[in-house]
């Protein structure tokens, strides 16, 4: 496991947020539905 420095963690969080913001609405809707289904079954 690679240990990241705090500045690297911030960059990774920023990149993840940018990817989520660029996601298409349909994909976001499907992922939200599947997430809720997974939690309900869990």
PDB file of N, CA and C in Angstrom:
ATOM      1  N   UNK A   1       0.839  -1.175   0.000  1.00  0.00           N
ATOM      2  CA  UNK A   1       0.000   0.000   0.000  1.00  0.00           C
ATOM      3  C   UNK A   1       0.886   1.240   0.000  1.00  0.00           C
ATOM      4  N   UNK A   2       0.572   2.156  -0.879  1.00  0.00           N
ATOM      5  CA  UNK A   2       1.342   3.382  -0.987  1.00  0.00           C
ATOM      6  C   UNK A   2       0.747   4.428  -0.051  1.00  0.00           C
ATOM      7  N   UNK A   3       1.603   5.053   0.733  1.00  0.00           N
ATOM      8  CA  UNK A   3       1.162   6.114   1.633  1.00  0.00           C
ATOM      9  C   UNK A   3       1.284   7.440   0.895  1.00  0.00           C
ATOM     10  N   UNK A   4       0.185   8.192   0.867  1.00  0.00           N
ATOM     11  CA  UNK A   4       0.174   9.469   0.160  1.00  0.00           C
ATOM     12  C   UNK A   4       0.386  10.611   1.136  1.00  0.00           C
ATOM     13  N   UNK A   5       1.055  11.627   0.651  1.00  0.00           N
ATOM     14  CA  UNK A   5       1.224  12.843   1.429  1.00  0.00           C
ATOM     15  C   UNK A   5      -0.087  13.619   1.422  1.00  0.00           C
ATOM     16  N   UNK A   6      -0.276  14.523   2.393  1.00  0.00           N
ATOM     17  CA  UNK A   6      -1.525  15.286   2.439  1.00  0.00           C
ATOM     18  C   UNK A   6      -1.837  16.033   1.136  1.00  0.00           C
ATOM     19  N   UNK A   7      -0.822  16.605   0.487  1.00  0.00           N
ATOM     20  CA  UNK A   7      -1.089  17.330  -0.761  1.00  0.00           C
ATOM     21  C   UNK A   7      -1.531  16.370  -1.868  1.00  0.00           C
ATOM     22  N   UNK A   8      -1.018  15.130  -1.858  1.00  0.00           N
ATOM     23  CA  UNK A   8      -1.440  14.131  -2.841  1.00  0.00           C
ATOM     24  C   UNK A   8      -2.877  13.671  -2.586  1.00  0.00           C
ATOM     25  N   UNK A   9      -3.248  13.591  -1.314  1.00  0.00           N
ATOM     26  CA  UNK A   9      -4.619  13.215  -0.964  1.00  0.00           C
ATOM     27  C   UNK A   9      -5.588  14.285  -1.450  1.00  0.00           C
ATOM     28  N   UNK A  10      -5.240  15.537  -1.255  1.00  0.00           N
ATOM     29  CA  UNK A  10      -6.092  16.638  -1.711  1.00  0.00           C
ATOM     30  C   UNK A  10      -6.243  16.600  -3.222  1.00  0.00           C
ATOM     31  N   UNK A  11      -5.165  16.333  -3.940  1.00  0.00           N
ATOM     32  CA  UNK A  11      -5.237  16.249  -5.402  1.00  0.00           C
ATOM     33  C   UNK A  11      -6.109  15.076  -5.845  1.00  0.00           C
ATOM     34  N   UNK A  12      -6.023  13.942  -5.152  1.00  0.00           N
ATOM     35  CA  UNK A  12      -6.842  12.775  -5.496  1.00  0.00           C
ATOM     36  C   UNK A  12      -8.324  13.053  -5.247  1.00  0.00           C
ATOM     37  N   UNK A  13      -8.633  13.716  -4.143  1.00  0.00           N
ATOM     38  CA  UNK A  13     -10.024  14.074  -3.841  1.00  0.00           C
ATOM     39  C   UNK A  13     -10.554  15.049  -4.875  1.00  0.00           C
ATOM     40  N   UNK A  14      -9.735  16.016  -5.255  1.00  0.00           N
ATOM     41  CA  UNK A  14     -10.124  16.991  -6.269  1.00  0.00           C
ATOM     42  C   UNK A  14     -10.390  16.304  -7.605  1.00  0.00           C
ATOM     43  N   UNK A  15      -9.531  15.379  -7.996  1.00  0.00           N
ATOM     44  CA  UNK A  15      -9.709  14.662  -9.265  1.00  0.00           C
ATOM     45  C   UNK A  15     -10.984  13.817  -9.240  1.00  0.00           C
ATOM     46  N   UNK A  16     -11.262  13.173  -8.113  1.00  0.00           N
ATOM     47  CA  UNK A  16     -12.485  12.368  -7.998  1.00  0.00           C
ATOM     48  C   UNK A  16     -13.721  13.251  -8.107  1.00  0.00           C
ATOM     49  N   UNK A  17     -13.678  14.407  -7.486  1.00  0.00           N
ATOM     50  CA  UNK A  17     -14.803  15.340  -7.569  1.00  0.00           C
ATOM     51  C   UNK A  17     -15.024  15.853  -8.978  1.00  0.00           C
ATOM     52  N   UNK A  18     -13.940  16.140  -9.680  1.00  0.00           N
ATOM     53  CA  UNK A  18     -14.058  16.615 -11.063  1.00  0.00           C
ATOM     54  C   UNK A  18     -14.640  15.524 -11.955  1.00  0.00           C
ATOM     55  N   UNK A  19     -14.232  14.275 -11.745  1.00  0.00           N
ATOM     56  CA  UNK A  19     -14.782  13.166 -12.530  1.00  0.00           C
ATOM     57  C   UNK A  19     -16.275  12.997 -12.271  1.00  0.00           C
ATOM     58  N   UNK A  20     -16.696  13.137 -11.023  1.00  0.00           N
ATOM     59  CA  UNK A  20     -18.121  13.026 -10.703  1.00  0.00           C
ATOM     60  C   UNK A  20     -18.905  14.181 -11.319  1.00  0.00           C
ATOM     61  N   UNK A  21     -18.327  15.366 -11.319  1.00  0.00           N
ATOM     62  CA  UNK A  21     -19.018  16.530 -11.880  1.00  0.00           C
ATOM     63  C   UNK A  21     -19.184  16.410 -13.392  1.00  0.00           C
ATOM     64  N   UNK A  22     -18.274  15.720 -14.059  1.00  0.00           N
ATOM     65  CA  UNK A  22     -18.328  15.573 -15.515  1.00  0.00           C
ATOM     66  C   UNK A  22     -19.174  14.383 -15.958  1.00  0.00           C
ATOM     67  N   UNK A  23     -19.667  13.595 -14.997  1.00  0.00           N
ATOM     68  CA  UNK A  23     -20.428  12.393 -15.322  1.00  0.00           C
ATOM     69  C   UNK A  23     -21.782  12.763 -15.937  1.00  0.00           C
ATOM     70  N   UNK A  24     -22.220  11.961 -16.902  1.00  0.00           N
ATOM     71  CA  UNK A  24     -23.516  12.195 -17.536  1.00  0.00           C
ATOM     72  C   UNK A  24     -24.637  11.944 -16.535  1.00  0.00           C
ATOM     73  N   UNK A  25     -25.762  12.653 -16.743  1.00  0.00           N
ATOM     74  CA  UNK A  25     -26.896  12.545 -15.825  1.00  0.00           C
ATOM     75  C   UNK A  25     -27.422  11.118 -15.750  1.00  0.00           C
ATOM     76  N   UNK A  26     -27.528  10.456 -16.892  1.00  0.00           N
ATOM     77  CA  UNK A  26     -28.065   9.098 -16.919  1.00  0.00           C
ATOM     78  C   UNK A  26     -27.208   8.140 -16.095  1.00  0.00           C
ATOM     79  N   UNK A  27     -25.904   8.276 -16.226  1.00  0.00           N
ATOM     80  CA  UNK A  27     -24.999   7.403 -15.480  1.00  0.00           C
ATOM     81  C   UNK A  27     -25.110   7.683 -13.979  1.00  0.00           C
ATOM     82  N   UNK A  28     -25.223   8.953 -13.616  1.00  0.00           N
ATOM     83  CA  UNK A  28     -25.373   9.315 -12.212  1.00  0.00           C
ATOM     84  C   UNK A  28     -26.662   8.738 -11.643  1.00  0.00           C
ATOM     85  N   UNK A  29     -27.742   8.818 -12.422  1.00  0.00           N
ATOM     86  CA  UNK A  29     -29.031   8.293 -11.986  1.00  0.00           C
ATOM     87  C   UNK A  29     -28.966   6.777 -11.778  1.00  0.00           C
ATOM     88  N   UNK A  30     -28.372   6.066 -12.720  1.00  0.00           N
ATOM     89  CA  UNK A  30     -28.250   4.606 -12.610  1.00  0.00           C
ATOM     90  C   UNK A  30     -27.363   4.226 -11.435  1.00  0.00           C
ATOM     91  N   UNK A  31     -26.263   4.925 -11.259  1.00  0.00           N
ATOM     92  CA  UNK A  31     -25.364   4.612 -10.140  1.00  0.00           C
ATOM     93  C   UNK A  31     -26.052   4.862  -8.801  1.00  0.00           C
ATOM     94  N   UNK A  32     -26.847   5.921  -8.711  1.00  0.00           N
ATOM     95  CA  UNK A  32     -27.592   6.194  -7.487  1.00  0.00           C
ATOM     96  C   UNK A  32     -28.598   5.098  -7.189  1.00  0.00           C
ATOM     97  N   UNK A  33     -29.303   4.638  -8.225  1.00  0.00           N
ATOM     98  CA  UNK A  33     -30.273   3.555  -8.047  1.00  0.00           C
ATOM     99  C   UNK A  33     -29.581   2.274  -7.586  1.00  0.00           C
ATOM    100  N   UNK A  34     -28.482   1.926  -8.233  1.00  0.00           N
ATOM    101  CA  UNK A  34     -27.764   0.702  -7.868  1.00  0.00           C
ATOM    102  C   UNK A  34     -27.175   0.788  -6.461  1.00  0.00           C
ATOM    103  N   UNK A  35     -26.740   1.970  -6.079  1.00  0.00           N
ATOM    104  CA  UNK A  35     -26.200   2.155  -4.729  1.00  0.00           C
ATOM    105  C   UNK A  35     -27.281   1.912  -3.688  1.00  0.00           C
ATOM    106  N   UNK A  36     -28.469   2.482  -3.923  1.00  0.00           N
ATOM    107  CA  UNK A  36     -29.570   2.279  -2.975  1.00  0.00           C
ATOM    108  C   UNK A  36     -30.001   0.815  -2.927  1.00  0.00           C
ATOM    109  N   UNK A  37     -30.000   0.144  -4.075  1.00  0.00           N
ATOM    110  CA  UNK A  37     -30.364  -1.274  -4.106  1.00  0.00           C
ATOM    111  C   UNK A  37     -29.340  -2.105  -3.326  1.00  0.00           C
ATOM    112  N   UNK A  38     -28.075  -1.781  -3.484  1.00  0.00           N
ATOM    113  CA  UNK A  38     -27.016  -2.497  -2.767  1.00  0.00           C
ATOM    114  C   UNK A  38     -27.162  -2.302  -1.259  1.00  0.00           C
ATOM    115  N   UNK A  39     -27.458  -1.075  -0.838  1.00  0.00           N
ATOM    116  CA  UNK A  39     -27.634  -0.800   0.592  1.00  0.00           C
ATOM    117  C   UNK A  39     -28.857  -1.544   1.126  1.00  0.00           C
ATOM    118  N   UNK A  40     -29.930  -1.577   0.342  1.00  0.00           N
ATOM    119  CA  UNK A  40     -31.148  -2.260   0.781  1.00  0.00           C
ATOM    120  C   UNK A  40     -30.919  -3.762   0.943  1.00  0.00           C
ATOM    121  N   UNK A  41     -30.111  -4.345   0.075  1.00  0.00           N
ATOM    122  CA  UNK A  41     -29.835  -5.777   0.160  1.00  0.00           C
ATOM    123  C   UNK A  41     -28.813  -6.114   1.238  1.00  0.00           C
ATOM    124  N   UNK A  42     -27.983  -5.118   1.576  1.00  0.00           N
ATOM    125  CA  UNK A  42     -26.862  -5.322   2.471  1.00  0.00           C
ATOM    126  C   UNK A  42     -27.217  -5.730   3.831  1.00  0.00           C
TER     127      UNK A  42
END
